[in-house]
Amino acid sequence: MTQTYTQNLEHLFRSHANDVNAGPMRAYMKDHFPFLGIKSPERTALLREFVREHGVPEGDMLSAVVRELWALPEREFQYAALELLEKRVKKLDVSFLPLLEELVVHKSWWDTVDTLAARLVGVFLTKHPEMILPSVDKWLASEHMWLQRTAILFQLKYKEKTDLPLLYRSILHVVDSKEFFLQKAIGWALREYAKTDAQAVIEFVGAHPLAPLSRREALKHVAPAT
């Protein structure tokens, strides 16, 4: 059943492959992944029509379809998997957390990890708040860059509901990292929270020796970058 669903979606996407687009899309992602060459608006429209006919899987079938799509080489299939998950994210039970973590650490790059962090993990954890602290502690301790980035970014859309001490603790755990994607995540999370409380961000940045990139990003819209 799941293979039929996945195979039908794979056939649909492959029938719309565009070699002219595929090269530049692959280059934009630093040649980490092959592409079919289906740009985002077309891909979203194709998936919408597919879902209208075939529905959105649930439960174990959703997990299986997501894993099957993730195993396919072209990046559009991973994007489709994330879109399917997002359609069910508010109904995912706690058994889906290992799957979300699995997706963070496999075929990892900013495009999938940032969607996972802010639009999937972040929403999932609002429904299962008891999982927040143990999950963040595990991700930070893992020393896995993409899990640590997720720990910093999952509250990106929380605004006034942000657990600020937890965000600060996550940032300080990796503050000395030389990894670009962690330095960028620190700045992005602080810049986003500054829309809710700019003074808190200014004070935090002033009190801690952030990397220049993190500092510049954090203060981009609230104070002159130095």
C-alpha atoms as a PDB file:
ATOM      1  CA  MET A   1       0.000   0.000   0.000  1.00  0.00           C
ATOM      2  CA  THR A   2       2.685   2.493   0.998  1.00  0.00           C
ATOM      3  CA  GLN A   3       4.891   1.457  -1.916  1.00  0.00           C
ATOM      4  CA  THR A   4       2.008   2.045  -4.322  1.00  0.00           C
ATOM      5  CA  TYR A   5       1.428   5.525  -2.886  1.00  0.00           C
ATOM      6  CA  THR A   6       5.120   6.371  -3.084  1.00  0.00           C
ATOM      7  CA  GLN A   7       5.544   4.873  -6.544  1.00  0.00           C
ATOM      8  CA  ASN A   8       2.590   6.848  -7.894  1.00  0.00           C
ATOM      9  CA  LEU A   9       4.016  10.082  -6.488  1.00  0.00           C
ATOM     10  CA  GLU A  10       7.482   9.235  -7.783  1.00  0.00           C
ATOM     11  CA  HIS A  11       6.068   8.584 -11.267  1.00  0.00           C
ATOM     12  CA  LEU A  12       4.199  11.897 -11.217  1.00  0.00           C
ATOM     13  CA  PHE A  13       7.265  13.891 -10.231  1.00  0.00           C
ATOM     14  CA  ARG A  14       9.562  12.128 -12.684  1.00  0.00           C
ATOM     15  CA  SER A  15       7.117  12.842 -15.514  1.00  0.00           C
ATOM     16  CA  HIS A  16       7.617  16.568 -14.812  1.00  0.00           C
ATOM     17  CA  ALA A  17      11.426  16.509 -14.576  1.00  0.00           C
ATOM     18  CA  ASN A  18      13.196  19.435 -16.204  1.00  0.00           C
ATOM     19  CA  ASP A  19      16.895  19.031 -16.937  1.00  0.00           C
ATOM     20  CA  VAL A  20      17.293  22.734 -17.676  1.00  0.00           C
ATOM     21  CA  ASN A  21      16.226  23.606 -14.128  1.00  0.00           C
ATOM     22  CA  ALA A  22      17.951  20.678 -12.443  1.00  0.00           C
ATOM     23  CA  GLY A  23      21.524  21.907 -12.929  1.00  0.00           C
ATOM     24  CA  PRO A  24      21.081  25.349 -11.340  1.00  0.00           C
ATOM     25  CA  MET A  25      19.000  23.864  -8.498  1.00  0.00           C
ATOM     26  CA  ARG A  26      21.739  21.334  -7.776  1.00  0.00           C
ATOM     27  CA  ALA A  27      24.389  24.051  -7.903  1.00  0.00           C
ATOM     28  CA  TYR A  28      22.404  26.223  -5.458  1.00  0.00           C
ATOM     29  CA  MET A  29      22.572  23.354  -2.971  1.00  0.00           C
ATOM     30  CA  LYS A  30      26.344  23.062  -3.480  1.00  0.00           C
ATOM     31  CA  ASP A  31      25.942  19.817  -5.435  1.00  0.00           C
ATOM     32  CA  HIS A  32      24.949  17.926  -2.310  1.00  0.00           C
ATOM     33  CA  PHE A  33      21.851  16.417  -3.942  1.00  0.00           C
ATOM     34  CA  PRO A  34      20.523  15.614  -7.416  1.00  0.00           C
ATOM     35  CA  PHE A  35      17.337  17.388  -8.512  1.00  0.00           C
ATOM     36  CA  LEU A  36      14.558  16.595 -10.944  1.00  0.00           C
ATOM     37  CA  GLY A  37      14.338  20.269 -11.778  1.00  0.00           C
ATOM     38  CA  ILE A  38      10.793  20.877 -10.489  1.00  0.00           C
ATOM     39  CA  LYS A  39      10.632  24.334  -8.977  1.00  0.00           C
ATOM     40  CA  SER A  40       8.799  24.900  -5.718  1.00  0.00           C
ATOM     41  CA  PRO A  41       5.499  26.345  -7.050  1.00  0.00           C
ATOM     42  CA  GLU A  42       5.091  23.531  -9.576  1.00  0.00           C
ATOM     43  CA  ARG A  43       6.091  20.879  -7.047  1.00  0.00           C
ATOM     44  CA  THR A  44       3.573  22.184  -4.525  1.00  0.00           C
ATOM     45  CA  ALA A  45       0.839  22.245  -7.161  1.00  0.00           C
ATOM     46  CA  LEU A  46       1.645  18.688  -8.260  1.00  0.00           C
ATOM     47  CA  LEU A  47       1.551  17.434  -4.690  1.00  0.00           C
ATOM     48  CA  ARG A  48      -1.713  19.271  -4.023  1.00  0.00           C
ATOM     49  CA  GLU A  49      -3.358  17.545  -6.988  1.00  0.00           C
ATOM     50  CA  PHE A  50      -1.871  14.206  -5.954  1.00  0.00           C
ATOM     51  CA  VAL A  51      -3.207  14.566  -2.415  1.00  0.00           C
ATOM     52  CA  ARG A  52      -6.623  15.523  -3.746  1.00  0.00           C
ATOM     53  CA  GLU A  53      -6.753  12.158  -5.497  1.00  0.00           C
ATOM     54  CA  HIS A  54      -4.847   9.921  -3.084  1.00  0.00           C
ATOM     55  CA  GLY A  55      -5.230  11.642   0.296  1.00  0.00           C
ATOM     56  CA  VAL A  56      -2.601  12.202   2.976  1.00  0.00           C
ATOM     57  CA  PRO A  57      -1.331   9.101   4.762  1.00  0.00           C
ATOM     58  CA  GLU A  58      -1.706   8.795   8.519  1.00  0.00           C
ATOM     59  CA  GLY A  59      -0.003   6.889  11.318  1.00  0.00           C
ATOM     60  CA  ASP A  60       2.301   4.043  10.322  1.00  0.00           C
ATOM     61  CA  MET A  61       1.550   4.571   6.635  1.00  0.00           C
ATOM     62  CA  LEU A  62       2.695   8.187   6.872  1.00  0.00           C
ATOM     63  CA  SER A  63       5.950   7.111   8.533  1.00  0.00           C
ATOM     64  CA  ALA A  64       6.555   4.501   5.854  1.00  0.00           C
ATOM     65  CA  VAL A  65       5.819   6.867   2.959  1.00  0.00           C
ATOM     66  CA  VAL A  66       8.068   9.550   4.426  1.00  0.00           C
ATOM     67  CA  ARG A  67      10.943   7.088   4.779  1.00  0.00           C
ATOM     68  CA  GLU A  68      10.415   5.780   1.236  1.00  0.00           C
ATOM     69  CA  LEU A  69      10.443   9.306  -0.171  1.00  0.00           C
ATOM     70  CA  TRP A  70      13.517  10.181   1.888  1.00  0.00           C
ATOM     71  CA  ALA A  71      15.362   7.215   0.418  1.00  0.00           C
ATOM     72  CA  LEU A  72      14.862   8.436  -3.162  1.00  0.00           C
ATOM     73  CA  PRO A  73      17.838  10.348  -4.537  1.00  0.00           C
ATOM     74  CA  GLU A  74      16.304  13.552  -5.889  1.00  0.00           C
ATOM     75  CA  ARG A  75      15.737  16.381  -3.444  1.00  0.00           C
ATOM     76  CA  GLU A  76      12.158  17.057  -4.521  1.00  0.00           C
ATOM     77  CA  PHE A  77      11.130  13.795  -2.868  1.00  0.00           C
ATOM     78  CA  GLN A  78      12.464  14.930   0.505  1.00  0.00           C
ATOM     79  CA  TYR A  79      10.560  18.205   0.100  1.00  0.00           C
ATOM     80  CA  ALA A  80       7.389  16.252  -0.665  1.00  0.00           C
ATOM     81  CA  ALA A  81       7.900  14.118   2.440  1.00  0.00           C
ATOM     82  CA  LEU A  82       8.129  17.262   4.565  1.00  0.00           C
ATOM     83  CA  GLU A  83       4.986  18.706   2.988  1.00  0.00           C
ATOM     84  CA  LEU A  84       3.058  15.523   3.754  1.00  0.00           C
ATOM     85  CA  LEU A  85       4.275  15.591   7.350  1.00  0.00           C
ATOM     86  CA  GLU A  86       3.327  19.234   7.678  1.00  0.00           C
ATOM     87  CA  LYS A  87      -0.239  18.435   6.622  1.00  0.00           C
ATOM     88  CA  ARG A  88      -0.498  16.080   9.626  1.00  0.00           C
ATOM     89  CA  VAL A  89       1.871  17.768  12.084  1.00  0.00           C
ATOM     90  CA  LYS A  90      -0.791  18.840  14.581  1.00  0.00           C
ATOM     91  CA  LYS A  91      -2.010  15.253  14.865  1.00  0.00           C
ATOM     92  CA  LEU A  92       1.349  13.488  15.210  1.00  0.00           C
ATOM     93  CA  ASP A  93       1.690  11.490  18.422  1.00  0.00           C
ATOM     94  CA  VAL A  94       4.916  11.140  20.402  1.00  0.00           C
ATOM     95  CA  SER A  95       5.934   8.087  18.389  1.00  0.00           C
ATOM     96  CA  PHE A  96       6.843  10.438  15.517  1.00  0.00           C
ATOM     97  CA  LEU A  97       9.661  12.190  17.364  1.00  0.00           C
ATOM     98  CA  PRO A  98      12.297   9.565  16.445  1.00  0.00           C
ATOM     99  CA  LEU A  99      11.252   9.933  12.801  1.00  0.00           C
ATOM    100  CA  LEU A 100      11.664  13.711  12.919  1.00  0.00           C
ATOM    101  CA  GLU A 101      15.108  13.271  14.484  1.00  0.00           C
ATOM    102  CA  GLU A 102      15.984  10.691  11.837  1.00  0.00           C
ATOM    103  CA  LEU A 103      15.138  13.166   9.085  1.00  0.00           C
ATOM    104  CA  VAL A 104      17.265  15.856  10.722  1.00  0.00           C
ATOM    105  CA  VAL A 105      20.372  13.673  10.661  1.00  0.00           C
ATOM    106  CA  HIS A 106      19.962  11.981   7.262  1.00  0.00           C
ATOM    107  CA  LYS A 107      20.489  13.816   3.972  1.00  0.00           C
ATOM    108  CA  SER A 108      21.032  16.889   6.133  1.00  0.00           C
ATOM    109  CA  TRP A 109      21.325  20.378   4.753  1.00  0.00           C
ATOM    110  CA  TRP A 110      19.829  23.693   5.740  1.00  0.00           C
ATOM    111  CA  ASP A 111      16.874  23.405   3.367  1.00  0.00           C
ATOM    112  CA  THR A 112      15.348  20.351   5.045  1.00  0.00           C
ATOM    113  CA  VAL A 113      16.658  20.925   8.564  1.00  0.00           C
ATOM    114  CA  ASP A 114      15.242  24.441   8.819  1.00  0.00           C
ATOM    115  CA  THR A 115      11.821  23.260   7.660  1.00  0.00           C
ATOM    116  CA  LEU A 116      11.986  20.411  10.136  1.00  0.00           C
ATOM    117  CA  ALA A 117      13.060  22.670  13.001  1.00  0.00           C
ATOM    118  CA  ALA A 118      10.645  25.574  12.643  1.00  0.00           C
ATOM    119  CA  ARG A 119       7.626  24.075  10.903  1.00  0.00           C
ATOM    120  CA  LEU A 120       7.591  20.470  12.098  1.00  0.00           C
ATOM    121  CA  VAL A 121       9.581  19.943  15.303  1.00  0.00           C
ATOM    122  CA  GLY A 122       8.519  23.332  16.658  1.00  0.00           C
ATOM    123  CA  VAL A 123       4.813  22.673  16.068  1.00  0.00           C
ATOM    124  CA  PHE A 124       5.098  19.056  17.230  1.00  0.00           C
ATOM    125  CA  LEU A 125       6.626  20.142  20.545  1.00  0.00           C
ATOM    126  CA  THR A 126       3.844  22.647  21.230  1.00  0.00           C
ATOM    127  CA  LYS A 127       1.534  19.633  21.216  1.00  0.00           C
ATOM    128  CA  HIS A 128       3.894  17.568  23.390  1.00  0.00           C
ATOM    129  CA  PRO A 129       5.564  20.105  25.709  1.00  0.00           C
ATOM    130  CA  GLU A 130       6.727  17.375  28.082  1.00  0.00           C
ATOM    131  CA  MET A 131       9.173  16.331  25.362  1.00  0.00           C
ATOM    132  CA  ILE A 132      10.860  19.724  25.019  1.00  0.00           C
ATOM    133  CA  LEU A 133      13.475  19.616  27.783  1.00  0.00           C
ATOM    134  CA  PRO A 134      14.594  15.994  27.348  1.00  0.00           C
ATOM    135  CA  SER A 135      14.747  16.429  23.575  1.00  0.00           C
ATOM    136  CA  VAL A 136      16.739  19.665  23.657  1.00  0.00           C
ATOM    137  CA  ASP A 137      19.148  18.239  26.212  1.00  0.00           C
ATOM    138  CA  LYS A 138      19.673  15.173  24.021  1.00  0.00           C
ATOM    139  CA  TRP A 139      20.194  17.210  20.851  1.00  0.00           C
ATOM    140  CA  LEU A 140      22.689  19.547  22.454  1.00  0.00           C
ATOM    141  CA  ALA A 141      24.625  16.684  24.027  1.00  0.00           C
ATOM    142  CA  SER A 142      24.708  14.763  20.737  1.00  0.00           C
ATOM    143  CA  GLU A 143      27.377  17.081  19.273  1.00  0.00           C
ATOM    144  CA  HIS A 144      25.544  16.601  15.966  1.00  0.00           C
ATOM    145  CA  MET A 145      25.522  19.990  14.270  1.00  0.00           C
ATOM    146  CA  TRP A 146      22.075  19.647  12.699  1.00  0.00           C
ATOM    147  CA  LEU A 147      20.431  18.425  15.898  1.00  0.00           C
ATOM    148  CA  GLN A 148      22.045  21.322  17.737  1.00  0.00           C
ATOM    149  CA  ARG A 149      20.781  23.719  15.074  1.00  0.00           C
ATOM    150  CA  THR A 150      17.312  22.243  15.588  1.00  0.00           C
ATOM    151  CA  ALA A 151      17.581  22.861  19.339  1.00  0.00           C
ATOM    152  CA  ILE A 152      18.243  26.532  18.642  1.00  0.00           C
ATOM    153  CA  LEU A 153      15.683  27.030  15.876  1.00  0.00           C
ATOM    154  CA  PHE A 154      12.635  25.013  16.917  1.00  0.00           C
ATOM    155  CA  GLN A 155      11.221  28.011  18.833  1.00  0.00           C
ATOM    156  CA  LEU A 156      11.653  30.324  15.847  1.00  0.00           C
ATOM    157  CA  LYS A 157       7.911  30.992  15.544  1.00  0.00           C
ATOM    158  CA  TYR A 158       7.066  30.916  19.265  1.00  0.00           C
ATOM    159  CA  LYS A 159       7.262  34.720  19.756  1.00  0.00           C
ATOM    160  CA  GLU A 160       6.087  35.597  23.297  1.00  0.00           C
ATOM    161  CA  LYS A 161       5.766  31.888  24.123  1.00  0.00           C
ATOM    162  CA  THR A 162       9.513  31.373  23.654  1.00  0.00           C
ATOM    163  CA  ASP A 163      11.222  29.704  26.591  1.00  0.00           C
ATOM    164  CA  LEU A 164      13.953  32.326  26.718  1.00  0.00           C
ATOM    165  CA  PRO A 165      16.166  30.643  29.348  1.00  0.00           C
ATOM    166  CA  LEU A 166      16.101  27.479  27.242  1.00  0.00           C
ATOM    167  CA  LEU A 167      16.991  29.403  24.090  1.00  0.00           C
ATOM    168  CA  TYR A 168      19.854  31.145  25.865  1.00  0.00           C
ATOM    169  CA  ARG A 169      21.102  27.861  27.308  1.00  0.00           C
ATOM    170  CA  SER A 170      21.031  26.244  23.869  1.00  0.00           C
ATOM    171  CA  ILE A 171      22.936  29.146  22.357  1.00  0.00           C
ATOM    172  CA  LEU A 172      25.578  29.174  25.080  1.00  0.00           C
ATOM    173  CA  HIS A 173      26.091  25.427  24.704  1.00  0.00           C
ATOM    174  CA  VAL A 174      27.410  25.966  21.169  1.00  0.00           C
ATOM    175  CA  VAL A 175      28.575  29.578  21.390  1.00  0.00           C
ATOM    176  CA  ASP A 176      32.227  28.642  20.854  1.00  0.00           C
ATOM    177  CA  SER A 177      31.524  26.503  17.786  1.00  0.00           C
ATOM    178  CA  LYS A 178      33.224  27.510  14.553  1.00  0.00           C
ATOM    179  CA  GLU A 179      30.466  25.881  12.500  1.00  0.00           C
ATOM    180  CA  PHE A 180      28.892  28.416  10.161  1.00  0.00           C
ATOM    181  CA  PHE A 181      25.433  26.849  10.438  1.00  0.00           C
ATOM    182  CA  LEU A 182      25.474  27.077  14.225  1.00  0.00           C
ATOM    183  CA  GLN A 183      26.733  30.654  14.265  1.00  0.00           C
ATOM    184  CA  LYS A 184      24.060  31.557  11.728  1.00  0.00           C
ATOM    185  CA  ALA A 185      21.351  29.761  13.744  1.00  0.00           C
ATOM    186  CA  ILE A 186      22.279  31.725  16.872  1.00  0.00           C
ATOM    187  CA  GLY A 187      21.957  35.003  15.025  1.00  0.00           C
ATOM    188  CA  TRP A 188      18.728  33.993  13.299  1.00  0.00           C
ATOM    189  CA  ALA A 189      17.023  32.844  16.513  1.00  0.00           C
ATOM    190  CA  LEU A 190      17.988  36.027  18.351  1.00  0.00           C
ATOM    191  CA  ARG A 191      16.997  38.259  15.426  1.00  0.00           C
ATOM    192  CA  GLU A 192      13.589  36.601  15.289  1.00  0.00           C
ATOM    193  CA  TYR A 193      13.052  36.903  19.036  1.00  0.00           C
ATOM    194  CA  ALA A 194      14.065  40.576  18.847  1.00  0.00           C
ATOM    195  CA  LYS A 195      10.767  41.163  17.032  1.00  0.00           C
ATOM    196  CA  THR A 196       9.125  40.254  20.362  1.00  0.00           C
ATOM    197  CA  ASP A 197      11.620  41.752  22.829  1.00  0.00           C
ATOM    198  CA  ALA A 198      14.442  43.711  21.254  1.00  0.00           C
ATOM    199  CA  GLN A 199      15.855  44.892  24.568  1.00  0.00           C
ATOM    200  CA  ALA A 200      16.288  41.341  25.834  1.00  0.00           C
ATOM    201  CA  VAL A 201      18.301  40.462  22.748  1.00  0.00           C
ATOM    202  CA  ILE A 202      20.440  43.579  22.990  1.00  0.00           C
ATOM    203  CA  GLU A 203      21.232  42.771  26.622  1.00  0.00           C
ATOM    204  CA  PHE A 204      22.039  39.124  25.867  1.00  0.00           C
ATOM    205  CA  VAL A 205      24.338  40.021  22.983  1.00  0.00           C
ATOM    206  CA  GLY A 206      26.040  42.656  25.114  1.00  0.00           C
ATOM    207  CA  ALA A 207      26.653  40.177  27.917  1.00  0.00           C
ATOM    208  CA  HIS A 208      28.106  37.285  25.887  1.00  0.00           C
ATOM    209  CA  PRO A 209      31.019  36.970  23.427  1.00  0.00           C
ATOM    210  CA  LEU A 210      29.138  35.811  20.354  1.00  0.00           C
ATOM    211  CA  ALA A 211      30.868  35.151  17.053  1.00  0.00           C
ATOM    212  CA  PRO A 212      30.833  38.216  14.782  1.00  0.00           C
ATOM    213  CA  LEU A 213      28.381  36.509  12.403  1.00  0.00           C
ATOM    214  CA  SER A 214      25.972  35.646  15.230  1.00  0.00           C
ATOM    215  CA  ARG A 215      26.209  39.122  16.708  1.00  0.00           C
ATOM    216  CA  ARG A 216      25.688  40.839  13.378  1.00  0.00           C
ATOM    217  CA  GLU A 217      22.654  38.728  12.526  1.00  0.00           C
ATOM    218  CA  ALA A 218      21.125  39.095  15.983  1.00  0.00           C
ATOM    219  CA  LEU A 219      21.301  42.890  15.935  1.00  0.00           C
ATOM    220  CA  LYS A 220      20.536  43.415  12.256  1.00  0.00           C
ATOM    221  CA  HIS A 221      17.198  45.137  12.871  1.00  0.00           C
ATOM    222  CA  VAL A 222      17.560  46.444  16.412  1.00  0.00           C
ATOM    223  CA  ALA A 223      20.964  48.097  16.692  1.00  0.00           C
ATOM    224  CA  PRO A 224      23.961  48.953  14.523  1.00  0.00           C
ATOM    225  CA  ALA A 225      26.017  45.860  13.847  1.00  0.00           C
ATOM    226  CA  THR A 226      29.519  45.982  15.277  1.00  0.00           C
END
